[in-house]
């Protein structure tokens, strides 16, 4: 697996490259946005880790140009910009994930592995998490063998969380992915749908899978 890291902070970039190299990844490092865009377009990479504030070309324009050119290279945006509007913009422009600095390398590695699994097309048609079973081909969900009567949006929300099991998702990410809309601070559309989903998929069962992450959003995982 080859990863391109476009990051202009030398210490951060070196630490990322060292961490990936120790895990067996081949890593190319670029400190300039213009050169990063050229490499992303022409290089044979499996994933791009992209900072936003870069000399030459900023990360927004790089991401936008890649997607406009039809380049499907998976992109993880890595930035200190943590405003909701920035996260929504990243998802809207085609980022596969968005990680805020400062970060733990273990989290970056986990996100990289998750994105690479999804990009490889190896995600199964059926996912099982504890007693939850999601059949994507038939658009069906069940717990302990009992079918769940979900609306299309409820299924999409549950599926998004299940595909990213163990990874907390912000309300902004969920709003952009499931409803294709920005999440405004005063809007409770995500919370309302999560409550409705829980009433069907969690409340009747002893084990609770959909958990609230205070100050972040929601996560689906087997253990509290």
N, C-alpha and C. Protein backbone atom coordinates (compact mmCIF):
# COMPACT_ATOMS: atom_id res chain seq x y z
N UNK A 1 0.84 -1.20 0.00
CA UNK A 1 0.00 0.00 0.00
C UNK A 1 0.88 1.25 0.00
N UNK A 2 0.57 2.17 -0.90
CA UNK A 2 1.32 3.42 -0.99
C UNK A 2 0.44 4.58 -0.54
N UNK A 3 0.98 5.39 0.36
CA UNK A 3 0.26 6.53 0.89
C UNK A 3 1.02 7.80 0.57
N UNK A 4 0.30 8.80 0.08
CA UNK A 4 0.88 10.13 -0.14
C UNK A 4 0.44 11.03 1.00
N UNK A 5 1.40 11.63 1.69
CA UNK A 5 1.13 12.55 2.79
C UNK A 5 1.51 13.96 2.34
N UNK A 6 0.53 14.85 2.27
CA UNK A 6 0.78 16.25 1.91
C UNK A 6 0.56 17.08 3.16
N UNK A 7 1.66 17.46 3.79
CA UNK A 7 1.65 18.13 5.10
C UNK A 7 2.88 19.02 5.17
N UNK A 8 2.67 20.33 5.46
CA UNK A 8 3.78 21.27 5.39
C UNK A 8 4.50 21.47 6.73
N UNK A 9 4.02 20.84 7.80
CA UNK A 9 4.70 20.94 9.09
C UNK A 9 5.69 19.79 9.17
N UNK A 10 7.00 20.07 9.07
CA UNK A 10 7.99 18.99 8.93
C UNK A 10 7.95 17.94 10.03
N UNK A 11 7.80 18.35 11.30
CA UNK A 11 7.81 17.39 12.38
C UNK A 11 6.59 16.47 12.32
N UNK A 12 5.43 17.06 12.05
CA UNK A 12 4.22 16.25 11.92
C UNK A 12 4.33 15.29 10.76
N UNK A 13 4.80 15.81 9.62
CA UNK A 13 4.95 14.97 8.43
C UNK A 13 5.91 13.82 8.68
N UNK A 14 7.04 14.11 9.32
CA UNK A 14 8.03 13.06 9.59
C UNK A 14 7.48 12.01 10.54
N UNK A 15 6.72 12.44 11.54
CA UNK A 15 6.14 11.49 12.49
C UNK A 15 5.12 10.59 11.81
N UNK A 16 4.32 11.17 10.93
CA UNK A 16 3.33 10.37 10.19
C UNK A 16 4.04 9.34 9.31
N UNK A 17 5.05 9.80 8.57
CA UNK A 17 5.77 8.88 7.68
C UNK A 17 6.42 7.76 8.47
N UNK A 18 7.04 8.10 9.60
CA UNK A 18 7.69 7.08 10.42
C UNK A 18 6.67 6.06 10.93
N UNK A 19 5.52 6.56 11.39
CA UNK A 19 4.49 5.66 11.90
C UNK A 19 3.97 4.70 10.85
N UNK A 20 3.69 5.24 9.65
CA UNK A 20 3.19 4.38 8.58
C UNK A 20 4.25 3.39 8.12
N UNK A 21 5.49 3.85 8.02
CA UNK A 21 6.57 2.96 7.58
C UNK A 21 6.74 1.79 8.54
N UNK A 22 6.59 2.06 9.84
CA UNK A 22 6.71 0.99 10.83
C UNK A 22 5.58 -0.03 10.72
N UNK A 23 4.46 0.37 10.09
CA UNK A 23 3.34 -0.55 9.89
C UNK A 23 3.37 -1.20 8.51
N UNK A 24 4.45 -0.94 7.76
CA UNK A 24 4.61 -1.62 6.49
C UNK A 24 4.09 -0.89 5.28
N UNK A 25 3.67 0.37 5.45
CA UNK A 25 3.19 1.15 4.31
C UNK A 25 4.35 1.85 3.62
N UNK A 26 4.24 2.01 2.31
CA UNK A 26 5.20 2.82 1.56
C UNK A 26 4.66 4.25 1.52
N UNK A 27 5.48 5.21 1.94
CA UNK A 27 4.99 6.57 2.11
C UNK A 27 5.83 7.56 1.32
N UNK A 28 5.15 8.43 0.56
CA UNK A 28 5.78 9.58 -0.07
C UNK A 28 5.32 10.83 0.67
N UNK A 29 6.24 11.72 0.93
CA UNK A 29 5.95 12.93 1.70
C UNK A 29 6.12 14.15 0.81
N UNK A 30 5.16 15.08 0.91
CA UNK A 30 5.21 16.31 0.13
C UNK A 30 4.84 17.47 1.05
N UNK A 31 5.62 18.55 1.00
CA UNK A 31 5.39 19.72 1.87
C UNK A 31 4.70 20.87 1.15
N UNK A 32 4.42 20.71 -0.14
CA UNK A 32 3.87 21.80 -0.96
C UNK A 32 2.58 21.35 -1.63
N UNK A 33 1.56 22.22 -1.62
CA UNK A 33 0.28 21.86 -2.18
C UNK A 33 0.29 21.61 -3.68
N UNK A 34 0.99 22.45 -4.43
CA UNK A 34 1.02 22.29 -5.89
C UNK A 34 1.66 20.97 -6.29
N UNK A 35 2.77 20.65 -5.64
CA UNK A 35 3.44 19.38 -5.92
C UNK A 35 2.59 18.21 -5.43
N UNK A 36 1.91 18.40 -4.31
CA UNK A 36 1.03 17.35 -3.81
C UNK A 36 -0.08 17.02 -4.78
N UNK A 37 -0.66 18.05 -5.40
CA UNK A 37 -1.71 17.82 -6.39
C UNK A 37 -1.16 17.06 -7.58
N UNK A 38 0.02 17.43 -8.05
CA UNK A 38 0.63 16.75 -9.20
C UNK A 38 0.85 15.27 -8.89
N UNK A 39 1.39 15.00 -7.71
CA UNK A 39 1.65 13.61 -7.34
C UNK A 39 0.35 12.83 -7.19
N UNK A 40 -0.65 13.45 -6.60
CA UNK A 40 -1.92 12.77 -6.40
C UNK A 40 -2.57 12.40 -7.73
N UNK A 41 -2.37 13.26 -8.73
CA UNK A 41 -2.96 13.01 -10.05
C UNK A 41 -2.18 11.97 -10.84
N UNK A 42 -0.86 11.93 -10.64
CA UNK A 42 -0.03 11.10 -11.51
C UNK A 42 0.55 9.88 -10.80
N UNK A 43 0.63 9.92 -9.48
CA UNK A 43 1.25 8.82 -8.76
C UNK A 43 0.30 7.65 -8.55
N UNK A 44 0.86 6.49 -8.32
CA UNK A 44 0.08 5.28 -8.10
C UNK A 44 -0.09 5.08 -6.60
N UNK A 45 -1.04 5.84 -6.01
CA UNK A 45 -1.23 5.81 -4.57
C UNK A 45 -2.56 5.15 -4.22
N UNK A 46 -2.60 4.58 -3.02
CA UNK A 46 -3.82 3.96 -2.51
C UNK A 46 -4.61 4.91 -1.63
N UNK A 47 -3.95 5.95 -1.10
CA UNK A 47 -4.63 6.87 -0.20
C UNK A 47 -3.83 8.16 -0.08
N UNK A 48 -4.54 9.27 0.13
CA UNK A 48 -3.93 10.59 0.32
C UNK A 48 -4.30 11.12 1.70
N UNK A 49 -3.30 11.48 2.50
CA UNK A 49 -3.50 12.20 3.76
C UNK A 49 -3.19 13.65 3.46
N UNK A 50 -4.18 14.52 3.61
CA UNK A 50 -4.09 15.88 3.08
C UNK A 50 -4.33 16.94 4.15
N UNK A 51 -3.33 17.79 4.37
CA UNK A 51 -3.51 18.96 5.22
C UNK A 51 -4.27 20.03 4.42
N UNK A 52 -4.89 20.97 5.11
CA UNK A 52 -5.64 22.01 4.42
C UNK A 52 -4.81 23.27 4.18
N UNK A 53 -4.08 23.72 5.19
CA UNK A 53 -3.33 24.96 5.07
C UNK A 53 -1.94 24.64 4.54
N UNK A 54 -1.76 24.83 3.23
CA UNK A 54 -0.53 24.44 2.55
C UNK A 54 0.00 25.58 1.69
N UNK A 55 1.31 25.66 1.49
CA UNK A 55 1.85 26.61 0.51
C UNK A 55 1.59 26.10 -0.91
N UNK A 56 1.44 27.01 -1.83
CA UNK A 56 1.23 26.63 -3.23
C UNK A 56 -0.23 26.46 -3.56
N UNK A 57 -0.85 25.41 -3.06
CA UNK A 57 -2.27 25.16 -3.23
C UNK A 57 -2.82 24.69 -1.89
N UNK A 58 -3.98 25.23 -1.48
CA UNK A 58 -4.54 24.76 -0.22
C UNK A 58 -5.26 23.42 -0.43
N UNK A 59 -5.51 22.74 0.69
CA UNK A 59 -6.11 21.42 0.61
C UNK A 59 -7.49 21.41 -0.01
N UNK A 60 -8.28 22.49 0.22
CA UNK A 60 -9.61 22.55 -0.37
C UNK A 60 -9.53 22.47 -1.89
N UNK A 61 -8.67 23.28 -2.49
CA UNK A 61 -8.57 23.31 -3.95
C UNK A 61 -8.00 22.01 -4.50
N UNK A 62 -7.10 21.38 -3.75
CA UNK A 62 -6.56 20.09 -4.19
C UNK A 62 -7.67 19.05 -4.23
N UNK A 63 -8.42 18.97 -3.16
CA UNK A 63 -9.51 18.00 -3.09
C UNK A 63 -10.55 18.25 -4.17
N UNK A 64 -10.91 19.53 -4.35
CA UNK A 64 -11.90 19.88 -5.35
C UNK A 64 -11.43 19.52 -6.76
N UNK A 65 -10.17 19.81 -7.07
CA UNK A 65 -9.66 19.52 -8.41
C UNK A 65 -9.54 18.03 -8.67
N UNK A 66 -9.15 17.28 -7.65
CA UNK A 66 -9.06 15.83 -7.81
C UNK A 66 -10.42 15.23 -8.15
N UNK A 67 -11.44 15.64 -7.41
CA UNK A 67 -12.77 15.08 -7.66
C UNK A 67 -13.35 15.57 -8.98
N UNK A 68 -13.08 16.83 -9.34
CA UNK A 68 -13.55 17.34 -10.62
C UNK A 68 -12.90 16.60 -11.78
N UNK A 69 -11.66 16.13 -11.58
CA UNK A 69 -10.95 15.40 -12.62
C UNK A 69 -11.29 13.91 -12.62
N UNK A 70 -12.19 13.51 -11.73
CA UNK A 70 -12.60 12.12 -11.69
C UNK A 70 -11.64 11.21 -10.96
N UNK A 71 -10.73 11.78 -10.18
CA UNK A 71 -9.77 10.98 -9.42
C UNK A 71 -10.46 10.47 -8.16
N UNK A 72 -10.56 9.16 -8.02
CA UNK A 72 -11.29 8.56 -6.90
C UNK A 72 -10.39 8.17 -5.74
N UNK A 73 -9.14 8.64 -5.76
CA UNK A 73 -8.20 8.35 -4.69
C UNK A 73 -8.80 8.69 -3.33
N UNK A 74 -8.86 7.73 -2.39
CA UNK A 74 -9.40 8.03 -1.06
C UNK A 74 -8.57 9.13 -0.38
N UNK A 75 -9.26 10.05 0.30
CA UNK A 75 -8.60 11.20 0.94
C UNK A 75 -9.03 11.31 2.39
N UNK A 76 -8.05 11.41 3.27
CA UNK A 76 -8.31 11.75 4.67
C UNK A 76 -7.75 13.14 4.91
N UNK A 77 -8.63 14.07 5.24
CA UNK A 77 -8.22 15.44 5.53
C UNK A 77 -7.72 15.50 6.97
N UNK A 78 -6.54 16.09 7.13
CA UNK A 78 -5.90 16.20 8.44
C UNK A 78 -5.63 17.67 8.70
N UNK A 79 -6.30 18.26 9.69
CA UNK A 79 -6.23 19.71 9.84
C UNK A 79 -6.55 20.16 11.26
N UNK A 80 -6.12 21.36 11.57
CA UNK A 80 -6.46 21.98 12.85
C UNK A 80 -7.79 22.72 12.77
N UNK A 81 -8.37 22.82 11.58
CA UNK A 81 -9.65 23.52 11.41
C UNK A 81 -10.77 22.60 11.86
N UNK A 82 -11.38 22.93 13.02
CA UNK A 82 -12.36 22.02 13.59
C UNK A 82 -13.78 22.58 13.58
N UNK A 83 -14.01 23.68 12.87
CA UNK A 83 -15.36 24.23 12.80
C UNK A 83 -16.28 23.27 12.04
N UNK A 84 -17.56 23.25 12.44
CA UNK A 84 -18.52 22.37 11.79
C UNK A 84 -18.58 22.63 10.29
N UNK A 85 -18.57 23.91 9.90
CA UNK A 85 -18.68 24.24 8.48
C UNK A 85 -17.49 23.68 7.69
N UNK A 86 -16.31 23.62 8.33
CA UNK A 86 -15.15 23.07 7.65
C UNK A 86 -15.28 21.56 7.47
N UNK A 87 -15.78 20.88 8.50
CA UNK A 87 -15.97 19.43 8.39
C UNK A 87 -17.00 19.09 7.33
N UNK A 88 -18.09 19.85 7.31
CA UNK A 88 -19.12 19.62 6.30
C UNK A 88 -18.57 19.89 4.91
N UNK A 89 -17.78 20.96 4.77
CA UNK A 89 -17.20 21.28 3.47
C UNK A 89 -16.29 20.15 2.99
N UNK A 90 -15.49 19.59 3.92
CA UNK A 90 -14.61 18.50 3.55
C UNK A 90 -15.37 17.31 3.02
N UNK A 91 -16.44 16.91 3.72
CA UNK A 91 -17.27 15.79 3.27
C UNK A 91 -17.92 16.11 1.93
N UNK A 92 -18.43 17.34 1.80
CA UNK A 92 -19.12 17.73 0.58
C UNK A 92 -18.20 17.73 -0.64
N UNK A 93 -16.94 18.07 -0.44
CA UNK A 93 -15.99 18.10 -1.55
C UNK A 93 -15.46 16.71 -1.89
N UNK A 94 -15.76 15.73 -1.08
CA UNK A 94 -15.37 14.37 -1.43
C UNK A 94 -14.35 13.73 -0.54
N UNK A 95 -14.09 14.32 0.64
CA UNK A 95 -13.17 13.67 1.58
C UNK A 95 -13.81 12.40 2.13
N UNK A 96 -13.00 11.38 2.33
CA UNK A 96 -13.50 10.12 2.88
C UNK A 96 -13.50 10.13 4.41
N UNK A 97 -12.70 10.97 4.99
CA UNK A 97 -12.67 11.10 6.45
C UNK A 97 -11.99 12.43 6.79
N UNK A 98 -12.13 12.85 8.04
CA UNK A 98 -11.68 14.18 8.47
C UNK A 98 -11.19 14.05 9.90
N UNK A 99 -9.91 14.29 10.11
CA UNK A 99 -9.31 14.11 11.44
C UNK A 99 -8.71 15.44 11.91
N UNK A 100 -9.05 15.80 13.15
CA UNK A 100 -8.65 17.09 13.70
C UNK A 100 -7.32 16.96 14.44
N UNK A 101 -6.42 17.94 14.21
CA UNK A 101 -5.18 18.05 14.98
C UNK A 101 -5.48 18.75 16.31
N UNK A 102 -4.76 18.41 17.37
CA UNK A 102 -3.78 17.32 17.48
C UNK A 102 -4.48 15.97 17.52
N UNK A 103 -3.78 14.93 17.12
CA UNK A 103 -4.39 13.62 17.01
C UNK A 103 -3.39 12.57 17.49
N UNK A 104 -3.90 11.41 17.81
CA UNK A 104 -3.05 10.27 18.15
C UNK A 104 -2.81 9.47 16.87
N UNK A 105 -1.57 9.06 16.64
CA UNK A 105 -1.28 8.32 15.42
C UNK A 105 -2.13 7.05 15.34
N UNK A 106 -2.41 6.43 16.48
CA UNK A 106 -3.22 5.21 16.48
C UNK A 106 -4.59 5.46 15.87
N UNK A 107 -5.16 6.65 16.12
CA UNK A 107 -6.46 6.97 15.53
C UNK A 107 -6.33 7.18 14.03
N UNK A 108 -5.29 7.90 13.60
CA UNK A 108 -5.07 8.09 12.17
C UNK A 108 -4.90 6.75 11.48
N UNK A 109 -4.13 5.86 12.06
CA UNK A 109 -3.92 4.54 11.47
C UNK A 109 -5.23 3.78 11.35
N UNK A 110 -6.06 3.82 12.40
CA UNK A 110 -7.34 3.12 12.36
C UNK A 110 -8.23 3.68 11.26
N UNK A 111 -8.22 4.99 11.09
CA UNK A 111 -9.06 5.61 10.05
C UNK A 111 -8.54 5.25 8.66
N UNK A 112 -7.22 5.24 8.51
CA UNK A 112 -6.63 4.85 7.23
C UNK A 112 -7.03 3.43 6.87
N UNK A 113 -6.92 2.53 7.83
CA UNK A 113 -7.27 1.13 7.57
C UNK A 113 -8.75 0.99 7.22
N UNK A 114 -9.61 1.76 7.90
CA UNK A 114 -11.04 1.71 7.62
C UNK A 114 -11.34 2.22 6.22
N UNK A 115 -10.74 3.36 5.84
CA UNK A 115 -10.97 3.92 4.51
C UNK A 115 -10.46 2.98 3.42
N UNK A 116 -9.29 2.38 3.64
CA UNK A 116 -8.73 1.46 2.66
C UNK A 116 -9.61 0.22 2.50
N UNK A 117 -10.19 -0.27 3.58
CA UNK A 117 -11.10 -1.42 3.48
C UNK A 117 -12.31 -1.06 2.64
N UNK A 118 -12.88 0.12 2.89
CA UNK A 118 -14.06 0.53 2.12
C UNK A 118 -13.70 0.73 0.65
N UNK A 119 -12.53 1.34 0.39
CA UNK A 119 -12.13 1.64 -0.98
C UNK A 119 -11.80 0.37 -1.77
N UNK A 120 -11.38 -0.67 -1.08
CA UNK A 120 -11.00 -1.90 -1.77
C UNK A 120 -12.20 -2.69 -2.26
N UNK A 121 -13.38 -2.27 -1.82
CA UNK A 121 -14.58 -2.98 -2.25
C UNK A 121 -14.77 -4.30 -1.54
N UNK A 122 -14.07 -4.48 -0.43
CA UNK A 122 -14.18 -5.74 0.28
C UNK A 122 -15.18 -5.70 1.42
N UNK A 123 -15.90 -4.60 1.53
CA UNK A 123 -16.92 -4.55 2.58
C UNK A 123 -17.98 -5.60 2.28
N UNK A 124 -18.33 -6.42 3.24
CA UNK A 124 -19.28 -7.50 2.99
C UNK A 124 -20.69 -6.98 2.75
N UNK A 125 -21.49 -7.80 2.04
CA UNK A 125 -22.88 -7.45 1.83
C UNK A 125 -23.69 -7.58 3.10
N UNK A 126 -23.21 -8.42 4.02
CA UNK A 126 -23.87 -8.60 5.31
C UNK A 126 -22.87 -8.28 6.43
N UNK A 127 -23.27 -7.40 7.34
CA UNK A 127 -22.44 -7.07 8.50
C UNK A 127 -23.15 -7.56 9.76
N UNK A 128 -22.40 -8.21 10.64
CA UNK A 128 -22.93 -8.66 11.92
C UNK A 128 -22.13 -8.02 13.04
N UNK A 129 -22.83 -7.35 13.92
CA UNK A 129 -22.22 -6.72 15.09
C UNK A 129 -23.06 -7.12 16.29
N UNK A 130 -22.47 -7.92 17.18
CA UNK A 130 -23.23 -8.51 18.28
C UNK A 130 -24.42 -9.26 17.68
N UNK A 131 -25.65 -8.94 18.12
CA UNK A 131 -26.83 -9.64 17.57
C UNK A 131 -27.49 -8.85 16.43
N UNK A 132 -26.83 -7.78 15.98
CA UNK A 132 -27.34 -6.98 14.86
C UNK A 132 -26.84 -7.56 13.55
N UNK A 133 -27.73 -7.70 12.58
CA UNK A 133 -27.37 -8.15 11.24
C UNK A 133 -27.92 -7.17 10.22
N UNK A 134 -27.03 -6.68 9.35
CA UNK A 134 -27.43 -5.75 8.28
C UNK A 134 -27.16 -6.42 6.95
N UNK A 135 -28.20 -6.58 6.15
CA UNK A 135 -28.10 -7.17 4.82
C UNK A 135 -28.26 -6.03 3.81
N UNK A 136 -27.13 -5.59 3.23
CA UNK A 136 -27.17 -4.41 2.36
C UNK A 136 -27.82 -4.71 1.02
N UNK A 137 -27.63 -5.91 0.51
CA UNK A 137 -28.20 -6.26 -0.79
C UNK A 137 -29.73 -6.25 -0.72
N UNK A 138 -30.28 -6.74 0.38
CA UNK A 138 -31.74 -6.82 0.54
C UNK A 138 -32.32 -5.65 1.32
N UNK A 139 -31.45 -4.77 1.78
CA UNK A 139 -31.88 -3.59 2.53
C UNK A 139 -32.69 -4.00 3.75
N UNK A 140 -32.16 -4.98 4.51
CA UNK A 140 -32.85 -5.49 5.68
C UNK A 140 -31.94 -5.43 6.90
N UNK A 141 -32.58 -5.25 8.06
CA UNK A 141 -31.84 -5.25 9.32
C UNK A 141 -32.61 -6.10 10.33
N UNK A 142 -31.85 -6.74 11.22
CA UNK A 142 -32.49 -7.56 12.24
C UNK A 142 -31.62 -7.57 13.49
N UNK A 143 -32.27 -7.78 14.64
CA UNK A 143 -31.56 -7.99 15.89
C UNK A 143 -32.09 -9.25 16.55
N UNK A 144 -31.16 -10.11 16.96
CA UNK A 144 -31.52 -11.40 17.56
C UNK A 144 -32.50 -12.16 16.67
N UNK A 145 -32.34 -11.99 15.37
CA UNK A 145 -33.19 -12.69 14.42
C UNK A 145 -34.51 -12.02 14.15
N UNK A 146 -34.84 -10.96 14.87
CA UNK A 146 -36.11 -10.26 14.68
C UNK A 146 -35.93 -9.10 13.71
N UNK A 147 -36.71 -9.06 12.61
CA UNK A 147 -36.57 -7.97 11.64
C UNK A 147 -36.87 -6.61 12.27
N UNK A 148 -36.11 -5.60 11.82
CA UNK A 148 -36.34 -4.23 12.27
C UNK A 148 -37.08 -3.48 11.17
N UNK A 149 -38.17 -2.84 11.53
CA UNK A 149 -38.98 -2.10 10.57
C UNK A 149 -38.44 -0.68 10.46
N UNK A 150 -37.45 -0.49 9.59
CA UNK A 150 -36.77 0.80 9.47
C UNK A 150 -37.19 1.52 8.20
N UNK A 151 -37.27 2.84 8.29
CA UNK A 151 -37.46 3.66 7.10
C UNK A 151 -36.14 3.67 6.31
N UNK A 152 -36.17 4.09 5.04
CA UNK A 152 -34.92 4.17 4.28
C UNK A 152 -33.84 5.02 4.95
N UNK A 153 -34.22 6.14 5.54
CA UNK A 153 -33.23 7.00 6.20
C UNK A 153 -32.70 6.34 7.47
N UNK A 154 -33.56 5.66 8.21
CA UNK A 154 -33.11 4.98 9.41
C UNK A 154 -32.14 3.86 9.05
N UNK A 155 -32.43 3.14 7.97
CA UNK A 155 -31.50 2.09 7.54
C UNK A 155 -30.18 2.71 7.10
N UNK A 156 -30.25 3.82 6.36
CA UNK A 156 -29.02 4.48 5.89
C UNK A 156 -28.18 4.96 7.06
N UNK A 157 -28.84 5.50 8.08
CA UNK A 157 -28.13 5.97 9.27
C UNK A 157 -27.48 4.80 10.01
N UNK A 158 -28.22 3.72 10.20
CA UNK A 158 -27.68 2.55 10.88
C UNK A 158 -26.53 1.94 10.08
N UNK A 159 -26.70 1.90 8.75
CA UNK A 159 -25.65 1.33 7.89
C UNK A 159 -24.38 2.16 7.94
N UNK A 160 -24.53 3.48 7.94
CA UNK A 160 -23.35 4.36 8.00
C UNK A 160 -22.59 4.13 9.30
N UNK A 161 -23.30 4.05 10.40
CA UNK A 161 -22.65 3.81 11.69
C UNK A 161 -22.03 2.42 11.75
N UNK A 162 -22.72 1.43 11.17
CA UNK A 162 -22.22 0.06 11.22
C UNK A 162 -20.95 -0.10 10.39
N UNK A 163 -20.90 0.53 9.23
CA UNK A 163 -19.70 0.43 8.39
C UNK A 163 -18.51 1.10 9.06
N UNK A 164 -18.78 1.98 10.01
CA UNK A 164 -17.70 2.67 10.72
C UNK A 164 -17.75 2.32 12.21
N UNK A 165 -18.05 1.08 12.48
CA UNK A 165 -18.20 0.61 13.85
C UNK A 165 -16.99 1.00 14.69
N UNK A 166 -17.28 1.49 15.88
CA UNK A 166 -16.22 1.88 16.79
C UNK A 166 -15.62 3.24 16.51
N UNK A 167 -16.06 3.91 15.44
CA UNK A 167 -15.51 5.22 15.08
C UNK A 167 -16.57 6.29 15.34
N UNK A 168 -16.41 7.14 16.34
CA UNK A 168 -17.39 8.18 16.61
C UNK A 168 -17.60 9.09 15.39
N UNK A 169 -18.87 9.37 15.09
CA UNK A 169 -19.23 10.21 13.95
C UNK A 169 -19.91 11.48 14.45
N UNK A 170 -19.46 12.61 13.95
CA UNK A 170 -20.07 13.87 14.35
C UNK A 170 -21.45 14.02 13.71
N UNK A 171 -22.26 14.87 14.29
CA UNK A 171 -23.57 15.16 13.70
C UNK A 171 -23.41 15.74 12.31
N UNK A 172 -22.37 16.56 12.11
CA UNK A 172 -22.14 17.16 10.79
C UNK A 172 -21.84 16.08 9.75
N UNK A 173 -21.02 15.11 10.12
CA UNK A 173 -20.69 14.02 9.19
C UNK A 173 -21.94 13.21 8.85
N UNK A 174 -22.74 12.90 9.85
CA UNK A 174 -23.96 12.12 9.62
C UNK A 174 -24.95 12.89 8.75
N UNK A 175 -25.09 14.19 9.01
CA UNK A 175 -26.01 15.00 8.21
C UNK A 175 -25.58 15.04 6.75
N UNK A 176 -24.28 15.20 6.52
CA UNK A 176 -23.77 15.27 5.15
C UNK A 176 -23.89 13.92 4.45
N UNK A 177 -23.61 12.83 5.17
CA UNK A 177 -23.59 11.51 4.54
C UNK A 177 -24.98 10.95 4.30
N UNK A 178 -25.88 11.11 5.26
CA UNK A 178 -27.19 10.47 5.18
C UNK A 178 -28.24 11.37 4.52
N UNK A 179 -28.16 12.69 4.81
CA UNK A 179 -29.15 13.61 4.28
C UNK A 179 -28.60 14.53 3.20
N UNK A 180 -27.30 14.44 2.94
CA UNK A 180 -26.65 15.31 1.95
C UNK A 180 -26.94 16.77 2.24
N UNK A 181 -26.78 17.16 3.49
CA UNK A 181 -27.07 18.53 3.91
C UNK A 181 -26.14 18.91 5.03
N UNK A 182 -25.82 20.22 5.15
CA UNK A 182 -25.01 20.65 6.27
C UNK A 182 -25.80 20.57 7.56
N UNK A 183 -25.11 20.30 8.66
CA UNK A 183 -25.76 20.28 9.97
C UNK A 183 -25.57 21.63 10.63
N UNK A 184 -26.67 22.35 10.81
CA UNK A 184 -26.60 23.63 11.49
C UNK A 184 -26.70 23.39 13.00
N UNK A 185 -26.03 24.24 13.77
CA UNK A 185 -25.96 24.04 15.20
C UNK A 185 -27.33 23.95 15.87
N UNK A 186 -28.31 24.70 15.33
CA UNK A 186 -29.62 24.72 15.98
C UNK A 186 -30.53 23.59 15.46
N UNK A 187 -30.11 22.87 14.44
CA UNK A 187 -30.92 21.79 13.89
C UNK A 187 -30.77 20.53 14.71
N UNK A 188 -31.89 19.83 14.94
CA UNK A 188 -31.84 18.59 15.69
C UNK A 188 -32.24 17.39 14.84
N UNK A 189 -32.13 17.53 13.51
CA UNK A 189 -32.59 16.46 12.62
C UNK A 189 -31.84 15.16 12.89
N UNK A 190 -30.53 15.23 13.13
CA UNK A 190 -29.76 14.01 13.39
C UNK A 190 -30.20 13.38 14.70
N UNK A 191 -30.32 14.19 15.75
CA UNK A 191 -30.71 13.68 17.07
C UNK A 191 -32.10 13.04 17.03
N UNK A 192 -33.03 13.66 16.29
CA UNK A 192 -34.38 13.12 16.18
C UNK A 192 -34.36 11.74 15.52
N UNK A 193 -33.60 11.62 14.43
CA UNK A 193 -33.55 10.34 13.73
C UNK A 193 -32.81 9.28 14.54
N UNK A 194 -31.80 9.70 15.29
CA UNK A 194 -31.11 8.73 16.15
C UNK A 194 -32.07 8.22 17.23
N UNK A 195 -32.87 9.11 17.80
CA UNK A 195 -33.84 8.67 18.81
C UNK A 195 -34.83 7.68 18.22
N UNK A 196 -35.32 7.96 17.01
CA UNK A 196 -36.26 7.05 16.36
C UNK A 196 -35.60 5.71 16.04
N UNK A 197 -34.36 5.76 15.60
CA UNK A 197 -33.63 4.53 15.30
C UNK A 197 -33.41 3.71 16.57
N UNK A 198 -33.03 4.38 17.64
CA UNK A 198 -32.83 3.67 18.91
C UNK A 198 -34.11 3.01 19.39
N UNK A 199 -35.25 3.68 19.20
CA UNK A 199 -36.52 3.13 19.66
C UNK A 199 -36.82 1.80 18.98
N UNK A 200 -36.33 1.64 17.76
CA UNK A 200 -36.59 0.40 17.03
C UNK A 200 -35.44 -0.61 17.16
N UNK A 201 -34.20 -0.10 17.15
CA UNK A 201 -33.05 -0.99 17.04
C UNK A 201 -32.30 -1.22 18.35
N UNK A 202 -32.60 -0.44 19.38
CA UNK A 202 -31.87 -0.56 20.64
C UNK A 202 -32.78 -0.77 21.85
N UNK A 203 -33.81 0.07 21.98
CA UNK A 203 -34.62 0.06 23.19
C UNK A 203 -35.24 -1.30 23.52
N UNK A 204 -35.72 -2.08 22.53
CA UNK A 204 -36.32 -3.36 22.86
C UNK A 204 -35.32 -4.45 23.25
N UNK A 205 -34.02 -4.14 23.18
CA UNK A 205 -33.00 -5.17 23.39
C UNK A 205 -32.12 -4.80 24.59
N UNK A 206 -31.61 -5.82 25.23
CA UNK A 206 -30.81 -5.60 26.44
C UNK A 206 -29.51 -4.88 26.13
N UNK A 207 -28.83 -5.30 25.06
CA UNK A 207 -27.55 -4.69 24.70
C UNK A 207 -27.79 -3.45 23.85
N UNK A 208 -27.23 -2.32 24.27
CA UNK A 208 -27.39 -1.07 23.54
C UNK A 208 -26.15 -0.86 22.66
N UNK A 209 -26.38 -0.72 21.36
CA UNK A 209 -25.28 -0.60 20.41
C UNK A 209 -25.01 0.84 19.97
N UNK A 210 -26.04 1.66 19.89
CA UNK A 210 -25.88 3.05 19.42
C UNK A 210 -25.62 3.92 20.64
N UNK A 211 -24.43 4.45 20.74
CA UNK A 211 -24.01 5.18 21.93
C UNK A 211 -23.70 6.64 21.62
N UNK A 212 -23.99 7.49 22.57
CA UNK A 212 -23.69 8.92 22.44
C UNK A 212 -22.26 9.18 22.90
N UNK A 213 -21.53 9.93 22.10
CA UNK A 213 -20.19 10.37 22.49
C UNK A 213 -20.29 11.86 22.80
N UNK A 214 -20.24 12.20 24.05
CA UNK A 214 -20.48 13.58 24.48
C UNK A 214 -19.53 14.54 23.80
N UNK A 215 -20.08 15.61 23.24
CA UNK A 215 -19.28 16.64 22.58
C UNK A 215 -18.87 16.26 21.17
N UNK A 216 -19.24 15.06 20.72
CA UNK A 216 -18.84 14.62 19.37
C UNK A 216 -20.08 14.25 18.55
N UNK A 217 -20.75 13.16 18.92
CA UNK A 217 -21.88 12.70 18.15
C UNK A 217 -22.27 11.30 18.58
N UNK A 218 -22.21 10.34 17.65
CA UNK A 218 -22.67 8.99 17.94
C UNK A 218 -21.71 7.96 17.39
N UNK A 219 -21.77 6.76 18.00
CA UNK A 219 -20.94 5.66 17.56
C UNK A 219 -21.73 4.37 17.74
N UNK A 220 -21.50 3.39 16.88
CA UNK A 220 -22.08 2.08 17.02
C UNK A 220 -20.98 1.11 17.40
N UNK A 221 -21.10 0.49 18.56
CA UNK A 221 -20.10 -0.47 19.00
C UNK A 221 -20.73 -1.46 19.97
N UNK A 222 -20.07 -2.59 20.12
CA UNK A 222 -20.63 -3.69 20.92
C UNK A 222 -20.57 -3.39 22.41
N UNK A 223 -19.54 -2.67 22.84
CA UNK A 223 -19.34 -2.48 24.27
C UNK A 223 -19.42 -0.99 24.62
N UNK A 224 -19.87 -0.70 25.81
CA UNK A 224 -20.00 0.69 26.26
C UNK A 224 -18.61 1.29 26.46
